[in-house]
Every structure is written in structure tokens, then in C-alpha cells.
Amino acid sequence: SANVTLDPDTANPHLIISEDRRSVRWDETPQNLPNNLQRFDTYCSVLGCEGFTAGRRYWEVQLGSRGFWAVGVARDSAWRKGWINLDPSQGIWAVGICGDKFQAFTSFET
């Protein structure tokens, strides 16, 4: 399993990152954080600090409640402002749950 250290400079203001930067939770009240270029301002996302360009990785994810969630990888250049699409054409490769369906997020219905 890959160890991921979450990057607080990229976290949406609704996401609360643990002190050890290994877990995240959503909060209804947004934090008062600077709106830097790296931060997701609309989509509830956060990136890891570590990057990679090759190799195999996997993540073990524990979910607290039902709803929408996704986990994946993103290019450094992936857009972080406004509404974003979870699809490879936008630099994001992700899988997750939408409603009651597990899916790979793509640029077209699969």
C-alpha cells in the first residue's frame, strides 16, 4: 500500500486534514483558508504531497459513511478551480461510488 501524506495547500476548505496528514474528513462549515492556486475551491478534493511518474501503486481507503466518493491520481496541471470533471481528458484518473454504483470515471458513459 502506498503511504500518502495529504497536502493541506490543495485541500478544499470543507475538508479537515488530520494532524498526521494521513486522513481527511468533510465538514459542513468551510474553514477560512487562503484561496491559493493549488487549492480545490469547489470540488471537495485534496492531493497527496508525493508524486510519481511510473510504477504500480494502490491505496487502502476506509469510508465513514455512504454517499459520493472517489480516489485516484491527478496530473500536476489538473484544474482545481470551479467545477471539474473526474476524467482522464482533464488529467484525473479516478474510481469511486456515485449513488449506489461503483464506477471508473471517464469522459464518456461506460
PDB file of N, CA and C in Angstrom:
ATOM      1  N   SER A   1       0.845  -1.184   0.000  1.00  0.00           N
ATOM      2  CA  SER A   1       0.000   0.000   0.000  1.00  0.00           C
ATOM      3  C   SER A   1       0.885   1.241   0.000  1.00  0.00           C
ATOM      4  N   ALA A   2       0.534   2.216  -0.820  1.00  0.00           N
ATOM      5  CA  ALA A   2       1.294   3.462  -0.883  1.00  0.00           C
ATOM      6  C   ALA A   2       0.951   4.337   0.315  1.00  0.00           C
ATOM      7  N   ASN A   3       1.963   4.912   0.949  1.00  0.00           N
ATOM      8  CA  ASN A   3       1.734   5.871   2.028  1.00  0.00           C
ATOM      9  C   ASN A   3       1.505   7.242   1.406  1.00  0.00           C
ATOM     10  N   VAL A   4       0.396   7.861   1.737  1.00  0.00           N
ATOM     11  CA  VAL A   4       0.059   9.164   1.175  1.00  0.00           C
ATOM     12  C   VAL A   4       0.030  10.198   2.297  1.00  0.00           C
ATOM     13  N   THR A   5       0.784  11.261   2.107  1.00  0.00           N
ATOM     14  CA  THR A   5       0.736  12.411   3.004  1.00  0.00           C
ATOM     15  C   THR A   5      -0.068  13.484   2.284  1.00  0.00           C
ATOM     16  N   LEU A   6      -1.194  13.886   2.867  1.00  0.00           N
ATOM     17  CA  LEU A   6      -2.080  14.845   2.218  1.00  0.00           C
ATOM     18  C   LEU A   6      -1.494  16.250   2.264  1.00  0.00           C
ATOM     19  N   ASP A   7      -1.695  16.989   1.180  1.00  0.00           N
ATOM     20  CA  ASP A   7      -1.162  18.344   1.047  1.00  0.00           C
ATOM     21  C   ASP A   7      -2.232  19.360   1.453  1.00  0.00           C
ATOM     22  N   PRO A   8      -2.099  19.992   2.619  1.00  0.00           N
ATOM     23  CA  PRO A   8      -3.130  20.932   3.070  1.00  0.00           C
ATOM     24  C   PRO A   8      -3.298  22.143   2.158  1.00  0.00           C
ATOM     25  N   ASP A   9      -2.278  22.490   1.372  1.00  0.00           N
ATOM     26  CA  ASP A   9      -2.387  23.632   0.460  1.00  0.00           C
ATOM     27  C   ASP A   9      -3.312  23.355  -0.716  1.00  0.00           C
ATOM     28  N   THR A  10      -3.668  22.078  -0.944  1.00  0.00           N
ATOM     29  CA  THR A  10      -4.569  21.731  -2.045  1.00  0.00           C
ATOM     30  C   THR A  10      -5.982  21.422  -1.570  1.00  0.00           C
ATOM     31  N   ALA A  11      -6.180  21.274  -0.271  1.00  0.00           N
ATOM     32  CA  ALA A  11      -7.459  20.800   0.272  1.00  0.00           C
ATOM     33  C   ALA A  11      -8.577  21.828   0.140  1.00  0.00           C
ATOM     34  N   ASN A  12      -9.723  21.367  -0.331  1.00  0.00           N
ATOM     35  CA  ASN A  12     -10.932  22.181  -0.337  1.00  0.00           C
ATOM     36  C   ASN A  12     -11.222  22.635   1.101  1.00  0.00           C
ATOM     37  N   PRO A  13     -11.726  23.850   1.298  1.00  0.00           N
ATOM     38  CA  PRO A  13     -11.977  24.350   2.660  1.00  0.00           C
ATOM     39  C   PRO A  13     -12.947  23.508   3.495  1.00  0.00           C
ATOM     40  N   HIS A  14     -13.766  22.673   2.872  1.00  0.00           N
ATOM     41  CA  HIS A  14     -14.675  21.799   3.618  1.00  0.00           C
ATOM     42  C   HIS A  14     -13.979  20.538   4.130  1.00  0.00           C
ATOM     43  N   LEU A  15     -12.738  20.310   3.727  1.00  0.00           N
ATOM     44  CA  LEU A  15     -12.017  19.106   4.132  1.00  0.00           C
ATOM     45  C   LEU A  15     -11.088  19.408   5.299  1.00  0.00           C
ATOM     46  N   ILE A  16     -11.205  18.608   6.344  1.00  0.00           N
ATOM     47  CA  ILE A  16     -10.367  18.746   7.535  1.00  0.00           C
ATOM     48  C   ILE A  16      -9.324  17.632   7.495  1.00  0.00           C
ATOM     49  N   ILE A  17      -8.063  18.010   7.421  1.00  0.00           N
ATOM     50  CA  ILE A  17      -6.971  17.039   7.352  1.00  0.00           C
ATOM     51  C   ILE A  17      -6.468  16.768   8.766  1.00  0.00           C
ATOM     52  N   SER A  18      -6.220  15.496   9.060  1.00  0.00           N
ATOM     53  CA  SER A  18      -5.720  15.118  10.385  1.00  0.00           C
ATOM     54  C   SER A  18      -4.329  15.708  10.617  1.00  0.00           C
ATOM     55  N   GLU A  19      -3.935  15.768  11.885  1.00  0.00           N
ATOM     56  CA  GLU A  19      -2.636  16.335  12.250  1.00  0.00           C
ATOM     57  C   GLU A  19      -1.482  15.593  11.580  1.00  0.00           C
ATOM     58  N   ASP A  20      -1.604  14.260  11.454  1.00  0.00           N
ATOM     59  CA  ASP A  20      -0.535  13.488  10.811  1.00  0.00           C
ATOM     60  C   ASP A  20      -0.637  13.508   9.284  1.00  0.00           C
ATOM     61  N   ARG A  21      -1.660  14.181   8.751  1.00  0.00           N
ATOM     62  CA  ARG A  21      -1.879  14.362   7.307  1.00  0.00           C
ATOM     63  C   ARG A  21      -2.080  13.039   6.570  1.00  0.00           C
ATOM     64  N   ARG A  22      -2.643  12.046   7.260  1.00  0.00           N
ATOM     65  CA  ARG A  22      -2.903  10.733   6.658  1.00  0.00           C
ATOM     66  C   ARG A  22      -4.381  10.468   6.407  1.00  0.00           C
ATOM     67  N   SER A  23      -5.258  11.290   6.995  1.00  0.00           N
ATOM     68  CA  SER A  23      -6.696  11.081   6.800  1.00  0.00           C
ATOM     69  C   SER A  23      -7.391  12.427   6.645  1.00  0.00           C
ATOM     70  N   VAL A  24      -8.599  12.364   6.113  1.00  0.00           N
ATOM     71  CA  VAL A  24      -9.359  13.579   5.831  1.00  0.00           C
ATOM     72  C   VAL A  24     -10.828  13.303   6.114  1.00  0.00           C
ATOM     73  N   ARG A  25     -11.537  14.336   6.543  1.00  0.00           N
ATOM     74  CA  ARG A  25     -12.979  14.221   6.725  1.00  0.00           C
ATOM     75  C   ARG A  25     -13.631  15.498   6.220  1.00  0.00           C
ATOM     76  N   TRP A  26     -14.897  15.380   5.833  1.00  0.00           N
ATOM     77  CA  TRP A  26     -15.668  16.515   5.348  1.00  0.00           C
ATOM     78  C   TRP A  26     -16.370  17.195   6.508  1.00  0.00           C
ATOM     79  N   ASP A  27     -16.447  18.518   6.467  1.00  0.00           N
ATOM     80  CA  ASP A  27     -17.186  19.273   7.470  1.00  0.00           C
ATOM     81  C   ASP A  27     -18.121  20.244   6.756  1.00  0.00           C
ATOM     82  N   GLU A  28     -19.317  20.388   7.272  1.00  0.00           N
ATOM     83  CA  GLU A  28     -20.323  21.255   6.653  1.00  0.00           C
ATOM     84  C   GLU A  28     -19.881  22.714   6.601  1.00  0.00           C
ATOM     85  N   THR A  29     -19.142  23.155   7.604  1.00  0.00           N
ATOM     86  CA  THR A  29     -18.678  24.541   7.671  1.00  0.00           C
ATOM     87  C   THR A  29     -17.286  24.647   7.059  1.00  0.00           C
ATOM     88  N   PRO A  30     -17.122  25.477   6.018  1.00  0.00           N
ATOM     89  CA  PRO A  30     -15.786  25.606   5.421  1.00  0.00           C
ATOM     90  C   PRO A  30     -14.826  26.340   6.351  1.00  0.00           C
ATOM     91  N   GLN A  31     -13.560  25.950   6.267  1.00  0.00           N
ATOM     92  CA  GLN A  31     -12.509  26.646   7.005  1.00  0.00           C
ATOM     93  C   GLN A  31     -12.168  27.944   6.278  1.00  0.00           C
ATOM     94  N   ASN A  32     -11.632  28.902   6.982  1.00  0.00           N
ATOM     95  CA  ASN A  32     -11.183  30.153   6.385  1.00  0.00           C
ATOM     96  C   ASN A  32      -9.726  29.969   5.959  1.00  0.00           C
ATOM     97  N   LEU A  33      -9.523  29.554   4.706  1.00  0.00           N
ATOM     98  CA  LEU A  33      -8.190  29.252   4.188  1.00  0.00           C
ATOM     99  C   LEU A  33      -7.872  30.169   3.014  1.00  0.00           C
ATOM    100  N   PRO A  34      -6.587  30.443   2.773  1.00  0.00           N
ATOM    101  CA  PRO A  34      -6.235  31.258   1.606  1.00  0.00           C
ATOM    102  C   PRO A  34      -6.627  30.542   0.314  1.00  0.00           C
ATOM    103  N   ASN A  35      -7.142  31.293  -0.643  1.00  0.00           N
ATOM    104  CA  ASN A  35      -7.544  30.723  -1.930  1.00  0.00           C
ATOM    105  C   ASN A  35      -6.349  30.760  -2.886  1.00  0.00           C
ATOM    106  N   ASN A  36      -5.367  29.888  -2.616  1.00  0.00           N
ATOM    107  CA  ASN A  36      -4.178  29.845  -3.466  1.00  0.00           C
ATOM    108  C   ASN A  36      -4.467  29.069  -4.756  1.00  0.00           C
ATOM    109  N   LEU A  37      -3.548  29.120  -5.703  1.00  0.00           N
ATOM    110  CA  LEU A  37      -3.748  28.455  -6.996  1.00  0.00           C
ATOM    111  C   LEU A  37      -3.816  26.942  -6.879  1.00  0.00           C
ATOM    112  N   GLN A  38      -3.190  26.361  -5.866  1.00  0.00           N
ATOM    113  CA  GLN A  38      -3.158  24.911  -5.715  1.00  0.00           C
ATOM    114  C   GLN A  38      -4.446  24.353  -5.103  1.00  0.00           C
ATOM    115  N   ARG A  39      -5.241  25.182  -4.429  1.00  0.00           N
ATOM    116  CA  ARG A  39      -6.388  24.713  -3.658  1.00  0.00           C
ATOM    117  C   ARG A  39      -7.609  24.426  -4.541  1.00  0.00           C
ATOM    118  N   PHE A  40      -8.268  23.284  -4.287  1.00  0.00           N
ATOM    119  CA  PHE A  40      -9.565  22.993  -4.897  1.00  0.00           C
ATOM    120  C   PHE A  40     -10.596  23.886  -4.214  1.00  0.00           C
ATOM    121  N   ASP A  41     -11.256  24.762  -4.973  1.00  0.00           N
ATOM    122  CA  ASP A  41     -12.175  25.708  -4.337  1.00  0.00           C
ATOM    123  C   ASP A  41     -13.636  25.275  -4.387  1.00  0.00           C
ATOM    124  N   THR A  42     -14.005  24.397  -5.303  1.00  0.00           N
ATOM    125  CA  THR A  42     -15.396  23.969  -5.438  1.00  0.00           C
ATOM    126  C   THR A  42     -15.548  22.483  -5.165  1.00  0.00           C
ATOM    127  N   TYR A  43     -14.737  21.677  -5.806  1.00  0.00           N
ATOM    128  CA  TYR A  43     -14.817  20.228  -5.683  1.00  0.00           C
ATOM    129  C   TYR A  43     -14.107  19.792  -4.398  1.00  0.00           C
ATOM    130  N   CYS A  44     -14.729  18.955  -3.600  1.00  0.00           N
ATOM    131  CA  CYS A  44     -14.129  18.510  -2.326  1.00  0.00           C
ATOM    132  C   CYS A  44     -13.028  17.498  -2.596  1.00  0.00           C
ATOM    133  N   SER A  45     -11.837  18.013  -2.844  1.00  0.00           N
ATOM    134  CA  SER A  45     -10.681  17.184  -3.183  1.00  0.00           C
ATOM    135  C   SER A  45      -9.458  17.657  -2.424  1.00  0.00           C
ATOM    136  N   VAL A  46      -8.487  16.753  -2.335  1.00  0.00           N
ATOM    137  CA  VAL A  46      -7.180  17.057  -1.771  1.00  0.00           C
ATOM    138  C   VAL A  46      -6.176  16.158  -2.482  1.00  0.00           C
ATOM    139  N   LEU A  47      -4.975  16.659  -2.691  1.00  0.00           N
ATOM    140  CA  LEU A  47      -3.918  15.875  -3.324  1.00  0.00           C
ATOM    141  C   LEU A  47      -2.909  15.414  -2.280  1.00  0.00           C
ATOM    142  N   GLY A  48      -2.174  14.374  -2.635  1.00  0.00           N
ATOM    143  CA  GLY A  48      -1.063  13.934  -1.813  1.00  0.00           C
ATOM    144  C   GLY A  48       0.172  14.756  -2.127  1.00  0.00           C
ATOM    145  N   CYS A  49       1.097  14.820  -1.183  1.00  0.00           N
ATOM    146  CA  CYS A  49       2.351  15.560  -1.383  1.00  0.00           C
ATOM    147  C   CYS A  49       3.287  14.840  -2.340  1.00  0.00           C
ATOM    148  N   GLU A  50       3.291  13.519  -2.267  1.00  0.00           N
ATOM    149  CA  GLU A  50       4.218  12.731  -3.061  1.00  0.00           C
ATOM    150  C   GLU A  50       3.710  12.604  -4.498  1.00  0.00           C
ATOM    151  N   GLY A  51       4.632  12.704  -5.429  1.00  0.00           N
ATOM    152  CA  GLY A  51       4.295  12.482  -6.825  1.00  0.00           C
ATOM    153  C   GLY A  51       5.043  11.268  -7.343  1.00  0.00           C
ATOM    154  N   PHE A  52       4.616  10.773  -8.492  1.00  0.00           N
ATOM    155  CA  PHE A  52       5.330   9.679  -9.144  1.00  0.00           C
ATOM    156  C   PHE A  52       5.035   9.732 -10.627  1.00  0.00           C
ATOM    157  N   THR A  53       5.914   9.147 -11.410  1.00  0.00           N
ATOM    158  CA  THR A  53       5.751   9.156 -12.862  1.00  0.00           C
ATOM    159  C   THR A  53       5.664   7.763 -13.450  1.00  0.00           C
ATOM    160  N   ALA A  54       5.960   6.748 -12.662  1.00  0.00           N
ATOM    161  CA  ALA A  54       5.900   5.376 -13.174  1.00  0.00           C
ATOM    162  C   ALA A  54       5.733   4.420 -12.002  1.00  0.00           C
ATOM    163  N   GLY A  55       5.438   3.174 -12.338  1.00  0.00           N
ATOM    164  CA  GLY A  55       5.310   2.153 -11.311  1.00  0.00           C
ATOM    165  C   GLY A  55       3.867   1.842 -10.981  1.00  0.00           C
ATOM    166  N   ARG A  56       3.689   0.901 -10.073  1.00  0.00           N
ATOM    167  CA  ARG A  56       2.357   0.492  -9.633  1.00  0.00           C
ATOM    168  C   ARG A  56       2.138   0.961  -8.204  1.00  0.00           C
ATOM    169  N   ARG A  57       0.923   1.420  -7.942  1.00  0.00           N
ATOM    170  CA  ARG A  57       0.553   1.888  -6.606  1.00  0.00           C
ATOM    171  C   ARG A  57      -0.846   1.392  -6.280  1.00  0.00           C
ATOM    172  N   TYR A  58      -1.132   1.264  -5.001  1.00  0.00           N
ATOM    173  CA  TYR A  58      -2.515   1.059  -4.584  1.00  0.00           C
ATOM    174  C   TYR A  58      -2.715   1.721  -3.242  1.00  0.00           C
ATOM    175  N   TRP A  59      -3.968   2.065  -2.966  1.00  0.00           N
ATOM    176  CA  TRP A  59      -4.338   2.745  -1.737  1.00  0.00           C
ATOM    177  C   TRP A  59      -5.410   1.937  -1.038  1.00  0.00           C
ATOM    178  N   GLU A  60      -5.318   1.882   0.266  1.00  0.00           N
ATOM    179  CA  GLU A  60      -6.378   1.293   1.071  1.00  0.00           C
ATOM    180  C   GLU A  60      -7.173   2.448   1.661  1.00  0.00           C
ATOM    181  N   VAL A  61      -8.485   2.426   1.436  1.00  0.00           N
ATOM    182  CA  VAL A  61      -9.345   3.539   1.815  1.00  0.00           C
ATOM    183  C   VAL A  61     -10.412   3.047   2.773  1.00  0.00           C
ATOM    184  N   GLN A  62     -10.601   3.756   3.874  1.00  0.00           N
ATOM    185  CA  GLN A  62     -11.693   3.466   4.812  1.00  0.00           C
ATOM    186  C   GLN A  62     -12.705   4.596   4.709  1.00  0.00           C
ATOM    187  N   LEU A  63     -13.969   4.222   4.524  1.00  0.00           N
ATOM    188  CA  LEU A  63     -15.034   5.208   4.359  1.00  0.00           C
ATOM    189  C   LEU A  63     -15.903   5.255   5.594  1.00  0.00           C
ATOM    190  N   GLY A  64     -16.263   6.460   6.011  1.00  0.00           N
ATOM    191  CA  GLY A  64     -17.080   6.611   7.201  1.00  0.00           C
ATOM    192  C   GLY A  64     -18.563   6.511   6.946  1.00  0.00           C
ATOM    193  N   SER A  65     -19.031   6.963   5.792  1.00  0.00           N
ATOM    194  CA  SER A  65     -20.461   6.927   5.510  1.00  0.00           C
ATOM    195  C   SER A  65     -20.698   6.811   4.013  1.00  0.00           C
ATOM    196  N   ARG A  66     -21.945   6.522   3.683  1.00  0.00           N
ATOM    197  CA  ARG A  66     -22.306   6.374   2.274  1.00  0.00           C
ATOM    198  C   ARG A  66     -22.326   7.731   1.592  1.00  0.00           C
ATOM    199  N   GLY A  67     -22.437   7.697   0.286  1.00  0.00           N
ATOM    200  CA  GLY A  67     -22.517   8.932  -0.479  1.00  0.00           C
ATOM    201  C   GLY A  67     -21.594   8.851  -1.673  1.00  0.00           C
ATOM    202  N   PHE A  68     -21.162   9.988  -2.144  1.00  0.00           N
ATOM    203  CA  PHE A  68     -20.252  10.057  -3.280  1.00  0.00           C
ATOM    204  C   PHE A  68     -18.823  10.128  -2.759  1.00  0.00           C
ATOM    205  N   TRP A  69     -17.956   9.324  -3.347  1.00  0.00           N
ATOM    206  CA  TRP A  69     -16.533   9.421  -3.047  1.00  0.00           C
ATOM    207  C   TRP A  69     -15.759   8.927  -4.257  1.00  0.00           C
ATOM    208  N   ALA A  70     -14.515   9.351  -4.352  1.00  0.00           N
ATOM    209  CA  ALA A  70     -13.628   8.902  -5.423  1.00  0.00           C
ATOM    210  C   ALA A  70     -12.198   8.932  -4.906  1.00  0.00           C
ATOM    211  N   VAL A  71     -11.376   8.063  -5.463  1.00  0.00           N
ATOM    212  CA  VAL A  71      -9.951   8.052  -5.172  1.00  0.00           C
ATOM    213  C   VAL A  71      -9.230   7.831  -6.496  1.00  0.00           C
ATOM    214  N   GLY A  72      -8.095   8.483  -6.671  1.00  0.00           N
ATOM    215  CA  GLY A  72      -7.392   8.332  -7.935  1.00  0.00           C
ATOM    216  C   GLY A  72      -6.097   9.112  -7.952  1.00  0.00           C
ATOM    217  N   VAL A  73      -5.652   9.407  -9.149  1.00  0.00           N
ATOM    218  CA  VAL A  73      -4.429  10.174  -9.358  1.00  0.00           C
ATOM    219  C   VAL A  73      -4.742  11.348 -10.276  1.00  0.00           C
ATOM    220  N   ALA A  74      -3.912  12.393 -10.172  1.00  0.00           N
ATOM    221  CA  ALA A  74      -4.110  13.589 -10.990  1.00  0.00           C
ATOM    222  C   ALA A  74      -2.762  14.120 -11.457  1.00  0.00           C
ATOM    223  N   ARG A  75      -2.755  14.686 -12.654  1.00  0.00           N
ATOM    224  CA  ARG A  75      -1.563  15.390 -13.127  1.00  0.00           C
ATOM    225  C   ARG A  75      -1.382  16.660 -12.306  1.00  0.00           C
ATOM    226  N   ASP A  76      -0.151  17.125 -12.191  1.00  0.00           N
ATOM    227  CA  ASP A  76       0.105  18.401 -11.513  1.00  0.00           C
ATOM    228  C   ASP A  76      -0.693  19.536 -12.144  1.00  0.00           C
ATOM    229  N   SER A  77      -0.930  19.438 -13.451  1.00  0.00           N
ATOM    230  CA  SER A  77      -1.614  20.509 -14.179  1.00  0.00           C
ATOM    231  C   SER A  77      -3.137  20.412 -14.127  1.00  0.00           C
ATOM    232  N   ALA A  78      -3.696  19.439 -13.412  1.00  0.00           N
ATOM    233  CA  ALA A  78      -5.161  19.295 -13.349  1.00  0.00           C
ATOM    234  C   ALA A  78      -5.789  20.568 -12.771  1.00  0.00           C
ATOM    235  N   TRP A  79      -6.896  20.999 -13.376  1.00  0.00           N
ATOM    236  CA  TRP A  79      -7.589  22.211 -12.969  1.00  0.00           C
ATOM    237  C   TRP A  79      -8.191  22.039 -11.581  1.00  0.00           C
ATOM    238  N   ARG A  80      -8.124  23.062 -10.747  1.00  0.00           N
ATOM    239  CA  ARG A  80      -8.597  22.969  -9.363  1.00  0.00           C
ATOM    240  C   ARG A  80      -9.626  24.037  -9.004  1.00  0.00           C
ATOM    241  N   LYS A  81      -9.966  24.888  -9.937  1.00  0.00           N
ATOM    242  CA  LYS A  81     -10.903  25.984  -9.658  1.00  0.00           C
ATOM    243  C   LYS A  81     -12.224  25.738 -10.378  1.00  0.00           C
ATOM    244  N   GLY A  82     -13.333  26.006  -9.670  1.00  0.00           N
ATOM    245  CA  GLY A  82     -14.651  25.795 -10.257  1.00  0.00           C
ATOM    246  C   GLY A  82     -14.975  24.314 -10.357  1.00  0.00           C
ATOM    247  N   TRP A  83     -16.026  24.011 -11.117  1.00  0.00           N
ATOM    248  CA  TRP A  83     -16.450  22.624 -11.291  1.00  0.00           C
ATOM    249  C   TRP A  83     -15.446  21.897 -12.180  1.00  0.00           C
ATOM    250  N   ILE A  84     -15.003  20.737 -11.763  1.00  0.00           N
ATOM    251  CA  ILE A  84     -14.070  19.940 -12.553  1.00  0.00           C
ATOM    252  C   ILE A  84     -14.700  18.595 -12.857  1.00  0.00           C
ATOM    253  N   ASN A  85     -14.228  17.976 -13.913  1.00  0.00           N
ATOM    254  CA  ASN A  85     -14.678  16.632 -14.277  1.00  0.00           C
ATOM    255  C   ASN A  85     -13.631  15.621 -13.857  1.00  0.00           C
ATOM    256  N   LEU A  86     -14.094  14.534 -13.270  1.00  0.00           N
ATOM    257  CA  LEU A  86     -13.183  13.435 -12.943  1.00  0.00           C
ATOM    258  C   LEU A  86     -13.043  12.577 -14.186  1.00  0.00           C
ATOM    259  N   ASP A  87     -12.154  12.979 -15.068  1.00  0.00           N
ATOM    260  CA  ASP A  87     -11.911  12.154 -16.248  1.00  0.00           C
ATOM    261  C   ASP A  87     -10.508  12.398 -16.785  1.00  0.00           C
ATOM    262  N   PRO A  88      -9.968  11.396 -17.488  1.00  0.00           N
ATOM    263  CA  PRO A  88      -8.584  11.477 -17.963  1.00  0.00           C
ATOM    264  C   PRO A  88      -8.299  12.678 -18.864  1.00  0.00           C
ATOM    265  N   SER A  89      -9.289  13.143 -19.637  1.00  0.00           N
ATOM    266  CA  SER A  89      -9.040  14.298 -20.503  1.00  0.00           C
ATOM    267  C   SER A  89      -8.770  15.563 -19.685  1.00  0.00           C
ATOM    268  N   GLN A  90      -9.175  15.571 -18.416  1.00  0.00           N
ATOM    269  CA  GLN A  90      -8.916  16.691 -17.514  1.00  0.00           C
ATOM    270  C   GLN A  90      -7.713  16.428 -16.602  1.00  0.00           C
ATOM    271  N   GLY A  91      -7.019  15.312 -16.830  1.00  0.00           N
ATOM    272  CA  GLY A  91      -5.830  14.992 -16.041  1.00  0.00           C
ATOM    273  C   GLY A  91      -6.115  14.268 -14.748  1.00  0.00           C
ATOM    274  N   ILE A  92      -7.309  13.668 -14.627  1.00  0.00           N
ATOM    275  CA  ILE A  92      -7.686  12.967 -13.403  1.00  0.00           C
ATOM    276  C   ILE A  92      -8.167  11.564 -13.752  1.00  0.00           C
ATOM    277  N   TRP A  93      -7.558  10.575 -13.121  1.00  0.00           N
ATOM    278  CA  TRP A  93      -7.966   9.175 -13.286  1.00  0.00           C
ATOM    279  C   TRP A  93      -8.491   8.715 -11.939  1.00  0.00           C
ATOM    280  N   ALA A  94      -9.780   8.357 -11.874  1.00  0.00           N
ATOM    281  CA  ALA A  94     -10.378   8.054 -10.572  1.00  0.00           C
ATOM    282  C   ALA A  94     -11.414   6.945 -10.677  1.00  0.00           C
ATOM    283  N   VAL A  95     -11.612   6.269  -9.556  1.00  0.00           N
ATOM    284  CA  VAL A  95     -12.704   5.310  -9.386  1.00  0.00           C
ATOM    285  C   VAL A  95     -13.432   5.702  -8.110  1.00  0.00           C
ATOM    286  N   GLY A  96     -14.703   5.312  -8.030  1.00  0.00           N
ATOM    287  CA  GLY A  96     -15.437   5.658  -6.822  1.00  0.00           C
ATOM    288  C   GLY A  96     -16.872   5.197  -6.849  1.00  0.00           C
ATOM    289  N   ILE A  97     -17.655   5.761  -5.951  1.00  0.00           N
ATOM    290  CA  ILE A  97     -19.072   5.454  -5.808  1.00  0.00           C
ATOM    291  C   ILE A  97     -19.871   6.705  -6.153  1.00  0.00           C
ATOM    292  N   CYS A  98     -20.851   6.542  -7.009  1.00  0.00           N
ATOM    293  CA  CYS A  98     -21.789   7.611  -7.335  1.00  0.00           C
ATOM    294  C   CYS A  98     -23.180   7.020  -7.156  1.00  0.00           C
ATOM    295  N   GLY A  99     -23.883   7.448  -6.110  1.00  0.00           N
ATOM    296  CA  GLY A  99     -25.160   6.815  -5.775  1.00  0.00           C
ATOM    297  C   GLY A  99     -24.889   5.428  -5.237  1.00  0.00           C
ATOM    298  N   ASP A 100     -25.438   4.425  -5.899  1.00  0.00           N
ATOM    299  CA  ASP A 100     -25.206   3.044  -5.466  1.00  0.00           C
ATOM    300  C   ASP A 100     -24.350   2.273  -6.461  1.00  0.00           C
ATOM    301  N   LYS A 101     -23.671   2.992  -7.380  1.00  0.00           N
ATOM    302  CA  LYS A 101     -22.873   2.347  -8.418  1.00  0.00           C
ATOM    303  C   LYS A 101     -21.387   2.620  -8.229  1.00  0.00           C
ATOM    304  N   PHE A 102     -20.592   1.556  -8.279  1.00  0.00           N
ATOM    305  CA  PHE A 102     -19.138   1.684  -8.306  1.00  0.00           C
ATOM    306  C   PHE A 102     -18.756   1.926  -9.751  1.00  0.00           C
ATOM    307  N   GLN A 103     -17.876   2.887 -10.024  1.00  0.00           N
ATOM    308  CA  GLN A 103     -17.539   3.176 -11.413  1.00  0.00           C
ATOM    309  C   GLN A 103     -16.148   3.759 -11.552  1.00  0.00           C
ATOM    310  N   ALA A 104     -15.621   3.606 -12.765  1.00  0.00           N
ATOM    311  CA  ALA A 104     -14.416   4.319 -13.168  1.00  0.00           C
ATOM    312  C   ALA A 104     -14.899   5.582 -13.869  1.00  0.00           C
ATOM    313  N   PHE A 105     -14.391   6.731 -13.464  1.00  0.00           N
ATOM    314  CA  PHE A 105     -14.836   7.993 -14.049  1.00  0.00           C
ATOM    315  C   PHE A 105     -14.072   8.233 -15.346  1.00  0.00           C
ATOM    316  N   THR A 106     -14.821   8.424 -16.427  1.00  0.00           N
ATOM    317  CA  THR A 106     -14.245   8.606 -17.756  1.00  0.00           C
ATOM    318  C   THR A 106     -14.910   9.798 -18.424  1.00  0.00           C
ATOM    319  N   SER A 107     -14.449  10.118 -19.633  1.00  0.00           N
ATOM    320  CA  SER A 107     -15.008  11.250 -20.365  1.00  0.00           C
ATOM    321  C   SER A 107     -16.294  10.883 -21.100  1.00  0.00           C
ATOM    322  N   PHE A 108     -16.691   9.628 -21.046  1.00  0.00           N
ATOM    323  CA  PHE A 108     -17.951   9.208 -21.670  1.00  0.00           C
ATOM    324  C   PHE A 108     -18.557   8.093 -20.839  1.00  0.00           C
ATOM    325  N   GLU A 109     -19.852   7.864 -21.005  1.00  0.00           N
ATOM    326  CA  GLU A 109     -20.558   6.831 -20.253  1.00  0.00           C
ATOM    327  C   GLU A 109     -20.033   5.457 -20.639  1.00  0.00           C
ATOM    328  N   THR A 110     -19.610   4.650 -19.641  1.00  0.00           N
ATOM    329  CA  THR A 110     -19.123   3.295 -19.922  1.00  0.00           C
ATOM    330  C   THR A 110     -19.953   2.270 -19.201  1.00  0.00           C
TER     331      THR A 110
END
